[in-house]
């Protein structure tokens, strides 16, 4: 059947357009708080119900609007920032496209109270599904209050994609924190279900605001950074190499006061750390880049989270040089080669870019059924996979304590002699499985030895991280982590499980929070907690390149025999490979 081209009804097109701006409650919080900042507010209150899924209220003491402007603000493309095309290249505010308010109104029930300082009375406006229901005079303080209720009521299919309350709440608090970091002059509070979870007093000191938001641990491990080149200025704070986390969530990049997600900026921040911190660990950083608006395009995405630079390599250079200089004051960088030669010429940058592109070509990653592998190593990987598939791993049950231990190779693999072949054991994977099973038993039986800390550990968390972790306090206590709310988004740890007593608590708590964030939105609490156990087992298991004594090998074998699932680690990798006599004869062409 032939479908004819038609013009979409305005109501339908508005709802579709709203999807580009309003992805979840956090999108509404971001847009409305940005409006408050544009209105020169110095006090902003954010109130959430059910993580923002039920309702969101944003109240500020900004300039407010008169009746005519208030009504016009809900029309699509209504803006006070753009009057002619050239204005798009001189954007100095957050909002300018005139899409946020009509988009939010089209998918919710919305009420606004607003008043200018010189007005006798304020204005109350209510809308449902983008349609005006009421516009009347009302008494209210100077500023604006936006109440957004029944989010996605007009598009119920979108509601199905929302996550659990604590996940959506975490995203909302993250959105507020990102804005709060760049605006220390504004007092910002957040209430969730009428409980205060964030209270940031205003200050003139940017460092004080950053320290307050990200906690004392970040404050104690920061280095100031500052650099200037032509029209680009960089300032902010970065973490010492000894202070790392398991993800890039601790990296906050701002361009002309706007938080942005940009791979170029992230790459520039990570580059000076590459030889200073271990693999798969990341620094924390809060950096502010200022440049002329004409050198920046912020009109790239409806949510304005992405930008495009006129001279991206110059921005990259300023960040790398600035961070390298700051790190040089804290650590010895004699082994770290210069990322940009002292001349910083155009030829240097082009040469650097060519080297990066060549590296990418050489190390093209291919996706297969197993883990990705480098193209140059395809033969070795396929050979190993074939060897594993032909092994008798799935055909025989190995009794580890009955094997004769021969040696350890590459500091990682334990070699055993068996009557019908040899057995190779990955010591980390094997120990990881043993620890996982023991921790799981602890959580089920709620009994195990714990190691009481001589001095309880106090860990300061970001507000969203504290909220997320608090949902798992009971579980952590079940596995002998005695965790208590210490007030002010801090926790107190009194003990740890005896089998994992040699851990870095601050690092492991950070990693637990990250695991909960990654899995908490779409899985059950039990699955999240299994992920946490897997993480603990992985962090505490004996590592590669660690020499094991024969008694330690014997103990590991006995532990493997005592558990039900010894063939794989909690991540699904094999703990051992058995190579039978027949397989060895094939390799030596005897068969």
Protein backbone atom coordinates (compact mmCIF):
# COMPACT_ATOMS: atom_id res chain seq x y z
CA UNK A 1 0.00 0.00 0.00
CA UNK A 2 1.40 3.37 -1.03
CA UNK A 3 1.85 5.82 1.84
CA UNK A 4 1.36 9.48 0.99
CA UNK A 5 3.47 12.26 2.50
CA UNK A 6 1.48 14.33 4.98
CA UNK A 7 2.17 17.20 7.37
CA UNK A 8 2.25 15.98 10.96
CA UNK A 9 -0.28 17.56 13.33
CA UNK A 10 1.34 20.20 15.51
CA UNK A 11 0.57 18.28 18.71
CA UNK A 12 2.36 15.18 17.37
CA UNK A 13 5.38 17.11 16.10
CA UNK A 14 5.72 18.86 19.48
CA UNK A 15 5.75 15.53 21.32
CA UNK A 16 8.39 14.12 18.96
CA UNK A 17 10.51 17.27 19.32
CA UNK A 18 10.15 17.06 23.09
CA UNK A 19 11.83 13.66 23.00
CA UNK A 20 15.05 15.32 21.81
CA UNK A 21 15.09 17.68 24.79
CA UNK A 22 13.38 15.67 27.55
CA UNK A 23 14.96 12.24 27.85
CA UNK A 24 14.23 11.72 31.56
CA UNK A 25 13.44 13.80 34.70
CA UNK A 26 17.09 14.89 34.90
CA UNK A 27 16.67 16.62 31.52
CA UNK A 28 13.86 18.75 32.99
CA UNK A 29 15.93 19.58 36.08
CA UNK A 30 18.87 20.62 33.89
CA UNK A 31 16.79 22.89 31.63
CA UNK A 32 14.88 24.59 34.46
CA UNK A 33 17.92 25.17 36.67
CA UNK A 34 19.73 26.62 33.64
CA UNK A 35 16.76 28.98 33.15
CA UNK A 36 17.11 30.05 36.78
CA UNK A 37 20.82 30.74 36.29
CA UNK A 38 20.09 32.73 33.12
CA UNK A 39 17.62 34.77 35.21
CA UNK A 40 20.48 35.74 37.59
CA UNK A 41 19.10 33.74 40.51
CA UNK A 42 21.27 33.52 43.63
CA UNK A 43 19.10 30.95 45.45
CA UNK A 44 17.65 27.84 43.78
CA UNK A 45 15.60 25.06 45.38
CA UNK A 46 15.02 21.74 43.59
CA UNK A 47 12.32 19.43 44.96
CA UNK A 48 11.87 15.89 43.63
CA UNK A 49 9.21 13.27 44.26
CA UNK A 50 9.87 9.63 43.38
CA UNK A 51 13.19 10.53 41.84
CA UNK A 52 11.53 13.23 39.72
CA UNK A 53 9.24 10.71 38.02
CA UNK A 54 6.17 11.97 39.88
CA UNK A 55 6.97 15.67 40.15
CA UNK A 56 9.72 18.30 39.98
CA UNK A 57 9.58 21.78 41.47
CA UNK A 58 12.27 24.40 40.80
CA UNK A 59 12.03 27.66 42.76
CA UNK A 60 14.40 30.60 42.31
CA UNK A 61 14.79 34.27 43.29
CA UNK A 62 15.77 35.40 39.80
CA UNK A 63 14.44 38.26 37.70
CA UNK A 64 11.09 36.63 36.98
CA UNK A 65 8.78 37.54 34.08
CA UNK A 66 5.80 39.78 33.49
CA UNK A 67 2.48 38.37 32.29
CA UNK A 68 3.09 38.79 28.54
CA UNK A 69 6.58 37.25 28.57
CA UNK A 70 5.41 34.40 30.81
CA UNK A 71 2.71 33.38 28.35
CA UNK A 72 4.99 33.78 25.34
CA UNK A 73 7.73 31.64 26.93
CA UNK A 74 5.72 28.47 26.22
CA UNK A 75 5.51 29.11 22.49
CA UNK A 76 8.02 27.15 20.39
CA UNK A 77 11.12 29.10 19.35
CA UNK A 78 10.26 32.01 21.67
CA UNK A 79 13.57 33.44 22.89
CA UNK A 80 15.07 36.66 24.22
CA UNK A 81 18.60 35.69 23.13
CA UNK A 82 18.43 35.43 19.32
CA UNK A 83 17.15 38.30 17.17
CA UNK A 84 19.20 37.81 14.01
CA UNK A 85 21.28 34.94 12.61
CA UNK A 86 24.66 36.38 13.67
CA UNK A 87 23.57 36.22 17.31
CA UNK A 88 24.00 32.44 17.21
CA UNK A 89 27.78 32.98 17.17
CA UNK A 90 27.76 35.13 20.31
CA UNK A 91 25.89 32.91 22.76
CA UNK A 92 26.73 33.63 26.40
CA UNK A 93 23.70 32.06 28.11
CA UNK A 94 22.45 28.50 28.60
CA UNK A 95 19.09 28.65 26.83
CA UNK A 96 18.58 30.32 23.48
CA UNK A 97 16.63 28.01 21.15
CA UNK A 98 13.21 28.45 22.75
CA UNK A 99 12.52 24.70 22.87
CA UNK A 100 12.89 23.68 26.52
CA UNK A 101 9.71 25.08 28.10
CA UNK A 102 7.31 24.08 25.29
CA UNK A 103 8.91 20.63 25.15
CA UNK A 104 8.54 20.10 28.91
CA UNK A 105 4.97 21.42 28.85
CA UNK A 106 3.97 19.10 25.99
CA UNK A 107 4.69 15.92 27.98
CA UNK A 108 3.53 16.96 31.46
CA UNK A 109 1.15 18.99 33.58
CA UNK A 110 2.96 22.22 34.35
CA UNK A 111 2.34 25.20 36.58
CA UNK A 112 4.43 28.36 36.71
CA UNK A 113 4.37 31.20 39.23
CA UNK A 114 6.53 34.19 38.34
CA UNK A 115 6.95 37.85 39.32
CA UNK A 116 9.28 40.67 38.44
CA UNK A 117 10.58 42.99 41.13
CA UNK A 118 8.76 46.03 39.73
CA UNK A 119 5.43 44.23 39.19
CA UNK A 120 2.53 44.70 41.62
CA UNK A 121 1.44 41.07 41.32
CA UNK A 122 2.76 37.89 39.84
CA UNK A 123 1.39 35.56 37.17
CA UNK A 124 0.17 31.99 37.48
CA UNK A 125 0.08 29.85 34.34
CA UNK A 126 -1.03 26.22 34.11
CA UNK A 127 -0.75 23.90 31.10
CA UNK A 128 -1.59 20.28 30.32
CA UNK A 129 0.03 18.55 27.39
CA UNK A 130 1.25 21.91 26.09
CA UNK A 131 -2.26 23.51 26.11
CA UNK A 132 -2.98 26.55 28.27
CA UNK A 133 -5.52 25.92 31.03
CA UNK A 134 -5.21 29.10 33.05
CA UNK A 135 -3.42 32.46 33.05
CA UNK A 136 -4.26 34.62 36.08
CA UNK A 137 -2.74 37.19 38.41
CA UNK A 138 -1.40 35.72 41.63
CA UNK A 139 0.53 36.71 44.69
CA UNK A 140 4.07 35.30 44.85
CA UNK A 141 7.62 36.38 45.72
CA UNK A 142 10.01 37.81 43.14
CA UNK A 143 11.42 35.07 40.95
CA UNK A 144 9.97 31.96 39.33
CA UNK A 145 8.59 28.65 40.55
CA UNK A 146 8.08 25.81 38.05
CA UNK A 147 6.05 22.75 39.10
CA UNK A 148 6.18 19.85 36.62
CA UNK A 149 3.80 17.00 37.42
CA UNK A 150 2.81 13.68 35.80
CA UNK A 151 5.87 13.57 33.54
CA UNK A 152 5.25 11.70 30.26
CA UNK A 153 1.53 11.34 31.12
CA UNK A 154 0.69 12.21 27.51
CA UNK A 155 3.29 9.79 26.16
CA UNK A 156 2.94 6.69 28.40
CA UNK A 157 5.28 4.66 26.18
CA UNK A 158 8.14 6.95 27.25
CA UNK A 159 7.42 6.27 30.94
CA UNK A 160 8.26 2.60 30.42
CA UNK A 161 11.87 3.54 29.67
CA UNK A 162 12.36 5.30 33.01
CA UNK A 163 14.45 3.44 35.58
CA UNK A 164 13.94 2.92 39.30
CA UNK A 165 13.34 5.94 41.53
CA UNK A 166 16.85 5.95 43.03
CA UNK A 167 18.43 5.77 39.56
CA UNK A 168 16.40 8.70 38.19
CA UNK A 169 17.05 10.62 41.42
CA UNK A 170 20.77 10.03 41.01
CA UNK A 171 20.67 11.42 37.47
CA UNK A 172 18.76 14.50 38.69
CA UNK A 173 21.29 15.18 41.46
CA UNK A 174 24.15 14.70 38.97
CA UNK A 175 22.55 17.33 36.71
CA UNK A 176 22.36 19.79 39.63
CA UNK A 177 25.94 19.06 40.73
CA UNK A 178 27.29 19.70 37.22
CA UNK A 179 25.66 23.15 37.23
CA UNK A 180 26.55 23.88 40.86
CA UNK A 181 30.27 23.31 40.26
CA UNK A 182 30.39 26.17 37.77
CA UNK A 183 28.28 28.59 39.84
CA UNK A 184 29.65 28.92 43.37
CA UNK A 185 27.91 32.30 43.71
CA UNK A 186 24.50 30.56 43.77
CA UNK A 187 23.04 28.73 46.76
CA UNK A 188 21.51 25.44 45.59
CA UNK A 189 19.46 22.96 47.60
CA UNK A 190 17.88 19.64 46.64
CA UNK A 191 15.04 17.92 48.48
CA UNK A 192 13.97 14.38 47.61
CA UNK A 193 10.60 13.32 49.01
CA UNK A 194 10.90 16.32 51.37
CA UNK A 195 14.30 15.15 52.68
CA UNK A 196 17.27 17.44 52.10
CA UNK A 197 20.07 15.62 50.27
CA UNK A 198 22.10 18.58 49.02
CA UNK A 199 22.69 22.03 50.47
CA UNK A 200 25.41 24.08 48.80
CA UNK A 201 25.86 27.54 50.36
CA UNK A 202 26.97 30.26 48.00
CA UNK A 203 30.62 31.26 48.05
CA UNK A 204 33.00 33.45 46.09
CA UNK A 205 35.65 30.73 46.15
CA UNK A 206 35.43 28.23 43.28
CA UNK A 207 37.81 25.82 45.06
CA UNK A 208 35.56 25.85 48.13
CA UNK A 209 32.51 24.95 46.01
CA UNK A 210 34.36 22.15 44.19
CA UNK A 211 35.64 20.75 47.49
CA UNK A 212 32.19 20.93 49.05
CA UNK A 213 30.53 19.11 46.15
CA UNK A 214 33.17 16.45 45.48
CA UNK A 215 34.19 15.87 49.10
CA UNK A 216 37.24 16.18 51.32
CA UNK A 217 39.04 13.27 49.65
CA UNK A 218 39.11 15.14 46.36
CA UNK A 219 40.07 18.33 48.16
CA UNK A 220 43.09 16.65 49.80
CA UNK A 221 44.31 15.18 46.54
CA UNK A 222 43.96 18.06 44.08
CA UNK A 223 46.38 20.18 42.12
CA UNK A 224 45.48 23.57 40.65
CA UNK A 225 45.85 23.90 36.90
CA UNK A 226 46.12 27.04 34.83
CA UNK A 227 47.21 27.75 31.25
CA UNK A 228 46.73 30.38 28.56
CA UNK A 229 47.37 30.34 24.82
CA UNK A 230 46.20 33.02 22.41
CA UNK A 231 42.46 33.46 23.16
CA UNK A 232 42.09 30.25 25.17
CA UNK A 233 42.27 30.21 28.96
CA UNK A 234 42.24 27.09 31.15
CA UNK A 235 41.81 26.88 34.91
CA UNK A 236 40.55 24.34 37.40
CA UNK A 237 41.68 21.47 39.58
CA UNK A 238 42.91 17.96 38.83
CA UNK A 239 43.64 14.93 41.02
CA UNK A 240 47.07 13.67 41.96
CA UNK A 241 48.12 10.43 40.22
CA UNK A 242 47.60 8.56 43.49
CA UNK A 243 43.89 9.49 43.56
CA UNK A 244 42.00 7.57 40.87
CA UNK A 245 38.64 5.96 40.21
CA UNK A 246 37.31 3.19 37.98
CA UNK A 247 35.53 5.47 35.48
CA UNK A 248 35.55 8.91 33.90
CA UNK A 249 32.59 10.20 35.92
CA UNK A 250 34.98 12.31 37.99
CA UNK A 251 35.95 14.40 34.94
CA UNK A 252 33.95 17.62 34.58
CA UNK A 253 34.71 19.81 31.56
CA UNK A 254 33.18 23.26 31.13
CA UNK A 255 33.39 25.48 28.07
CA UNK A 256 32.41 29.10 28.66
CA UNK A 257 30.62 27.98 31.82
CA UNK A 258 28.65 25.22 30.07
CA UNK A 259 29.17 21.57 31.06
CA UNK A 260 29.88 19.53 27.95
CA UNK A 261 30.64 15.93 27.03
CA UNK A 262 33.41 15.93 24.48
CA UNK A 263 35.80 13.12 23.55
CA UNK A 264 38.53 15.60 22.59
CA UNK A 265 38.47 17.20 26.04
CA UNK A 266 38.40 13.83 27.83
CA UNK A 267 41.33 12.60 25.73
CA UNK A 268 43.29 15.75 26.53
CA UNK A 269 42.69 15.31 30.28
CA UNK A 270 43.73 11.63 30.22
CA UNK A 271 46.85 12.06 28.04
CA UNK A 272 49.24 13.43 30.75
CA UNK A 273 48.19 10.65 33.16
CA UNK A 274 48.83 7.72 30.82
CA UNK A 275 52.23 6.79 32.25
CA UNK A 276 51.42 7.87 35.78
CA UNK A 277 48.39 5.74 36.72
CA UNK A 278 47.58 2.09 36.20
CA UNK A 279 45.48 0.87 33.28
CA UNK A 280 41.70 1.14 33.59
CA UNK A 281 41.97 3.77 36.33
CA UNK A 282 41.03 7.39 35.70
CA UNK A 283 41.74 10.76 37.31
CA UNK A 284 39.27 13.31 38.59
CA UNK A 285 39.26 16.81 37.18
CA UNK A 286 37.17 19.96 37.10
CA UNK A 287 38.41 22.22 34.31
CA UNK A 288 37.04 25.42 32.84
CA UNK A 289 37.92 26.53 29.33
CA UNK A 290 37.13 30.07 28.24
CA UNK A 291 37.39 31.21 24.63
CA UNK A 292 35.64 33.71 22.37
CA UNK A 293 32.04 32.59 21.56
CA UNK A 294 32.87 33.03 17.88
CA UNK A 295 35.38 30.14 18.15
CA UNK A 296 32.70 27.81 19.45
CA UNK A 297 29.49 26.30 18.07
CA UNK A 298 27.06 25.39 20.86
CA UNK A 299 24.16 24.81 18.48
CA UNK A 300 25.08 21.18 17.82
CA UNK A 301 22.47 19.26 19.82
CA UNK A 302 19.03 20.18 21.26
CA UNK A 303 20.20 19.36 24.81
CA UNK A 304 23.32 21.52 24.21
CA UNK A 305 25.61 18.94 25.88
CA UNK A 306 27.95 18.87 22.88
CA UNK A 307 29.97 21.64 21.28
CA UNK A 308 32.15 22.06 18.22
CA UNK A 309 35.47 23.93 18.34
CA UNK A 310 36.86 26.06 15.54
CA UNK A 311 40.44 25.08 16.50
CA UNK A 312 40.15 21.74 18.36
CA UNK A 313 43.88 20.92 18.36
CA UNK A 314 44.68 24.24 19.99
CA UNK A 315 42.22 23.42 22.80
CA UNK A 316 43.81 19.96 23.14
CA UNK A 317 47.29 21.49 23.35
CA UNK A 318 46.34 23.99 26.06
CA UNK A 319 44.79 21.28 28.25
CA UNK A 320 47.66 18.80 27.85
CA UNK A 321 50.33 21.42 28.51
CA UNK A 322 48.43 22.84 31.48
CA UNK A 323 47.86 19.48 33.14
CA UNK A 324 51.40 18.24 32.43
CA UNK A 325 52.84 21.35 34.04
CA UNK A 326 50.71 20.87 37.18
CA UNK A 327 51.52 17.17 37.45
CA UNK A 328 55.24 17.92 37.08
CA UNK A 329 55.07 19.80 40.37
CA UNK A 330 53.70 16.72 42.13
CA UNK A 331 55.57 13.82 40.58
CA UNK A 332 58.84 13.16 38.77
CA UNK A 333 58.07 13.15 35.07
CA UNK A 334 61.53 12.22 33.85
CA UNK A 335 60.15 9.05 32.26
CA UNK A 336 57.25 10.84 30.62
CA UNK A 337 58.13 12.12 27.18
CA UNK A 338 56.87 15.50 26.11
CA UNK A 339 53.49 15.27 24.47
CA UNK A 340 54.00 18.50 22.59
CA UNK A 341 57.51 19.74 21.75
CA UNK A 342 58.50 23.10 23.20
CA UNK A 343 58.00 24.86 19.90
CA UNK A 344 54.32 23.90 19.74
CA UNK A 345 54.34 24.59 16.02
CA UNK A 346 51.65 23.65 13.58
CA UNK A 347 53.95 20.98 12.14
CA UNK A 348 54.29 19.42 15.60
CA UNK A 349 50.53 19.09 15.91
CA UNK A 350 50.10 17.66 12.43
CA UNK A 351 52.84 15.12 13.14
CA UNK A 352 51.19 14.19 16.45
CA UNK A 353 47.85 13.73 14.68
CA UNK A 354 49.45 11.50 12.03
CA UNK A 355 51.04 9.31 14.72
CA UNK A 356 47.68 8.93 16.46
CA UNK A 357 45.98 7.96 13.19
CA UNK A 358 48.72 5.45 12.37
CA UNK A 359 48.33 3.91 15.81
CA UNK A 360 44.61 3.54 15.26
CA UNK A 361 45.21 1.81 11.94
CA UNK A 362 47.75 -0.62 13.42
CA UNK A 363 45.56 -1.51 16.35
CA UNK A 364 42.18 -1.89 14.72
CA UNK A 365 40.02 -3.87 17.09
CA UNK A 366 37.85 -6.62 15.66
CA UNK A 367 34.74 -7.93 17.35
CA UNK A 368 34.28 -11.67 17.63
CA UNK A 369 32.26 -14.07 19.73
CA UNK A 370 34.74 -13.75 22.56
CA UNK A 371 36.58 -10.67 23.75
CA UNK A 372 37.85 -8.19 21.16
CA UNK A 373 41.45 -8.70 20.12
CA UNK A 374 44.07 -6.84 18.13
CA UNK A 375 44.21 -7.70 14.47
CA UNK A 376 47.94 -8.48 14.61
CA UNK A 377 47.25 -11.14 17.27
CA UNK A 378 44.43 -12.91 15.40
CA UNK A 379 46.44 -16.06 14.72
CA UNK A 380 47.46 -16.57 18.37
CA UNK A 381 43.91 -15.91 19.58
CA UNK A 382 42.29 -18.34 17.14
CA UNK A 383 44.95 -20.96 17.95
CA UNK A 384 44.24 -20.66 21.67
CA UNK A 385 40.45 -20.76 21.13
CA UNK A 386 40.82 -23.90 19.01
CA UNK A 387 43.02 -25.50 21.64
CA UNK A 388 40.47 -24.66 24.31
CA UNK A 389 37.56 -26.04 22.26
CA UNK A 390 39.44 -29.31 21.66
CA UNK A 391 40.45 -29.69 25.29
CA UNK A 392 38.74 -32.11 27.63
CA UNK A 393 37.62 -29.30 29.93
CA UNK A 394 33.94 -30.04 29.42
CA UNK A 395 34.38 -33.80 29.44
CA UNK A 396 36.11 -34.37 32.76
CA UNK A 397 35.80 -33.15 36.32
CA UNK A 398 39.17 -32.07 37.65
CA UNK A 399 40.08 -32.80 41.27
CA UNK A 400 42.71 -30.14 41.80
CA UNK A 401 44.16 -31.50 45.02
CA UNK A 402 44.99 -34.78 43.25
CA UNK A 403 47.16 -33.08 40.62
CA UNK A 404 50.95 -32.83 40.85
CA UNK A 405 52.09 -29.22 40.90
CA UNK A 406 54.98 -28.53 38.50
CA UNK A 407 55.62 -24.80 38.29
CA UNK A 408 54.32 -21.29 37.74
CA UNK A 409 54.93 -19.55 34.41
CA UNK A 410 54.66 -15.86 33.50
CA UNK A 411 53.85 -15.23 37.16
CA UNK A 412 50.25 -16.04 36.29
CA UNK A 413 49.63 -19.65 35.28
CA UNK A 414 50.02 -22.72 37.48
CA UNK A 415 51.04 -25.88 35.64
CA UNK A 416 49.93 -29.29 36.93
CA UNK A 417 50.60 -32.82 35.72
CA UNK A 418 47.57 -35.09 35.32
CA UNK A 419 47.48 -38.82 34.43
CA UNK A 420 46.08 -38.02 30.97
CA UNK A 421 47.67 -34.63 30.20
CA UNK A 422 48.45 -31.29 31.81
CA UNK A 423 46.24 -28.68 33.50
CA UNK A 424 46.87 -24.93 33.28
CA UNK A 425 45.25 -22.82 36.00
CA UNK A 426 44.84 -19.03 35.81
CA UNK A 427 45.66 -18.15 39.42
CA UNK A 428 43.71 -14.87 39.41
CA UNK A 429 40.57 -16.32 37.82
CA UNK A 430 40.65 -19.34 40.14
CA UNK A 431 41.13 -17.30 43.30
CA UNK A 432 38.47 -14.86 42.10
CA UNK A 433 35.93 -17.72 41.85
CA UNK A 434 36.86 -19.01 45.32
CA UNK A 435 36.43 -15.57 46.90
CA UNK A 436 33.14 -14.98 45.07
CA UNK A 437 31.66 -18.25 46.34
CA UNK A 438 32.82 -17.53 49.90
CA UNK A 439 31.38 -14.01 49.84
CA UNK A 440 28.12 -15.31 48.41
CA UNK A 441 27.85 -17.83 51.24
CA UNK A 442 28.47 -15.02 53.70
CA UNK A 443 25.62 -12.97 52.25
CA UNK A 444 23.21 -15.92 52.37
CA UNK A 445 24.16 -17.37 55.75
CA UNK A 446 25.00 -13.99 57.32
CA UNK A 447 27.88 -15.49 59.27
CA UNK A 448 31.58 -15.16 58.68
CA UNK A 449 34.68 -13.78 60.30
CA UNK A 450 35.06 -10.04 60.09
CA UNK A 451 38.10 -7.85 60.53
CA UNK A 452 37.32 -4.94 62.85
CA UNK A 453 39.24 -1.83 61.82
CA UNK A 454 41.50 -0.36 64.49
CA UNK A 455 40.52 3.11 63.28
CA UNK A 456 37.11 3.28 61.51
CA UNK A 457 37.35 4.68 58.00
CA UNK A 458 35.39 7.84 57.13
CA UNK A 459 34.68 8.27 53.43
CA UNK A 460 33.16 11.42 51.96
CA UNK A 461 30.92 10.91 48.95
CA UNK A 462 29.21 13.04 46.36
CA UNK A 463 25.47 13.46 47.15
CA UNK A 464 24.31 11.22 44.29
CA UNK A 465 26.86 8.53 45.22
CA UNK A 466 25.76 8.56 48.86
CA UNK A 467 22.10 8.21 47.85
CA UNK A 468 22.92 5.28 45.60
CA UNK A 469 25.12 3.49 48.14
CA UNK A 470 22.59 3.90 50.96
CA UNK A 471 20.26 1.48 49.15
CA UNK A 472 22.89 -1.25 49.69
CA UNK A 473 23.83 -0.57 53.33
CA UNK A 474 21.95 -3.64 54.58
CA UNK A 475 23.60 -5.91 52.03
CA UNK A 476 27.07 -4.55 52.81
CA UNK A 477 26.48 -5.19 56.50
CA UNK A 478 25.39 -8.75 55.66
CA UNK A 479 28.83 -9.43 54.17
CA UNK A 480 30.62 -7.92 57.19
CA UNK A 481 31.15 -4.38 55.89
CA UNK A 482 29.84 -2.45 58.90
CA UNK A 483 28.72 0.72 57.13
CA UNK A 484 26.91 3.60 58.82
CA UNK A 485 25.56 6.98 57.76
CA UNK A 486 28.02 9.48 59.23
CA UNK A 487 26.06 12.56 58.18
CA UNK A 488 26.74 15.10 55.46
CA UNK A 489 26.97 12.50 52.66
CA UNK A 490 29.73 10.66 54.55
CA UNK A 491 29.89 7.02 55.61
CA UNK A 492 31.71 5.30 58.46
CA UNK A 493 33.16 1.80 57.91
CA UNK A 494 33.93 -0.14 61.11
CA UNK A 495 34.83 -3.57 59.74
CA UNK A 496 35.41 -5.58 56.56
CA UNK A 497 35.15 -9.29 55.70
CA UNK A 498 38.25 -11.07 56.98
CA UNK A 499 38.88 -12.73 53.60
CA UNK A 500 39.20 -9.35 51.87
CA UNK A 501 40.85 -7.38 54.65
CA UNK A 502 43.73 -6.17 52.46
CA UNK A 503 41.65 -3.80 50.31
CA UNK A 504 41.81 -0.06 49.73
CA UNK A 505 38.43 0.96 51.14
CA UNK A 506 38.09 4.27 49.32
CA UNK A 507 38.83 2.66 45.98
CA UNK A 508 36.51 -0.30 46.55
CA UNK A 509 33.60 1.91 47.69
CA UNK A 510 34.06 4.04 44.57
CA UNK A 511 34.03 0.90 42.43
CA UNK A 512 30.94 -0.49 44.21
CA UNK A 513 29.06 2.72 43.49
CA UNK A 514 30.07 2.57 39.84
CA UNK A 515 28.90 -1.06 39.60
CA UNK A 516 25.55 -0.11 41.14
CA UNK A 517 25.15 2.75 38.65
CA UNK A 518 25.95 0.50 35.67
CA UNK A 519 23.57 -2.30 36.63
CA UNK A 520 20.99 -0.72 38.92
CA UNK A 521 18.74 0.79 36.29
CA UNK A 522 17.52 -2.32 34.53
CA UNK A 523 18.25 -5.26 36.83
CA UNK A 524 16.99 -6.62 40.13
CA UNK A 525 18.61 -5.77 43.47
CA UNK A 526 19.94 -9.35 43.65
CA UNK A 527 21.74 -8.97 40.33
CA UNK A 528 23.26 -5.68 41.45
CA UNK A 529 24.49 -7.31 44.64
CA UNK A 530 25.97 -10.25 42.69
CA UNK A 531 27.85 -7.70 40.61
CA UNK A 532 29.18 -6.14 43.80
CA UNK A 533 30.37 -9.55 45.03
CA UNK A 534 32.06 -10.13 41.67
CA UNK A 535 33.80 -6.78 41.96
CA UNK A 536 35.02 -7.52 45.49
CA UNK A 537 36.30 -10.95 44.48
CA UNK A 538 38.13 -9.50 41.48
CA UNK A 539 39.77 -6.70 43.49
CA UNK A 540 40.89 -8.97 46.31
CA UNK A 541 42.00 -12.02 44.31
CA UNK A 542 45.68 -12.73 43.86
CA UNK A 543 46.93 -10.83 40.82
CA UNK A 544 48.97 -11.88 37.84
CA UNK A 545 52.76 -11.68 38.25
CA UNK A 546 52.43 -12.66 41.90
CA UNK A 547 54.67 -15.52 43.02
CA UNK A 548 52.74 -18.21 44.89
CA UNK A 549 54.43 -20.59 47.33
CA UNK A 550 53.66 -24.31 47.19
CA UNK A 551 51.53 -24.16 50.38
CA UNK A 552 49.52 -21.32 48.80
CA UNK A 553 49.03 -23.38 45.63
CA UNK A 554 47.90 -26.34 47.74
CA UNK A 555 45.43 -24.15 49.63
CA UNK A 556 44.02 -22.77 46.36
CA UNK A 557 43.53 -26.31 45.01
CA UNK A 558 41.69 -27.39 48.16
CA UNK A 559 39.46 -24.31 47.90
CA UNK A 560 38.67 -25.07 44.25
CA UNK A 561 37.66 -28.61 45.18
CA UNK A 562 35.31 -27.27 47.88
CA UNK A 563 33.15 -25.13 45.57
CA UNK A 564 30.55 -26.15 43.02
CA UNK A 565 31.50 -23.94 40.07
CA UNK A 566 35.24 -24.07 39.68
CA UNK A 567 35.46 -24.05 35.87
CA UNK A 568 34.96 -20.31 35.34
CA UNK A 569 35.52 -17.06 37.21
CA UNK A 570 32.48 -14.86 38.07
CA UNK A 571 33.00 -12.99 34.77
CA UNK A 572 32.72 -16.21 32.76
CA UNK A 573 36.40 -16.68 31.87
CA UNK A 574 37.85 -20.19 32.29
CA UNK A 575 39.79 -20.80 35.48
CA UNK A 576 41.67 -23.73 33.95
CA UNK A 577 42.37 -25.48 30.68
CA UNK A 578 43.12 -29.18 30.48
CA UNK A 579 45.21 -30.34 27.51
CA UNK A 580 44.95 -34.07 26.98
CA UNK A 581 47.60 -36.40 25.58
CA UNK A 582 45.73 -36.59 22.26
CA UNK A 583 45.75 -32.79 21.84
CA UNK A 584 49.50 -32.69 22.56
CA UNK A 585 50.15 -35.45 20.05
CA UNK A 586 48.23 -33.46 17.42
CA UNK A 587 50.36 -30.37 18.13
CA UNK A 588 53.55 -32.43 17.59
CA UNK A 589 52.11 -34.06 14.44
CA UNK A 590 52.14 -37.50 16.07
CA UNK A 591 48.52 -38.15 15.04
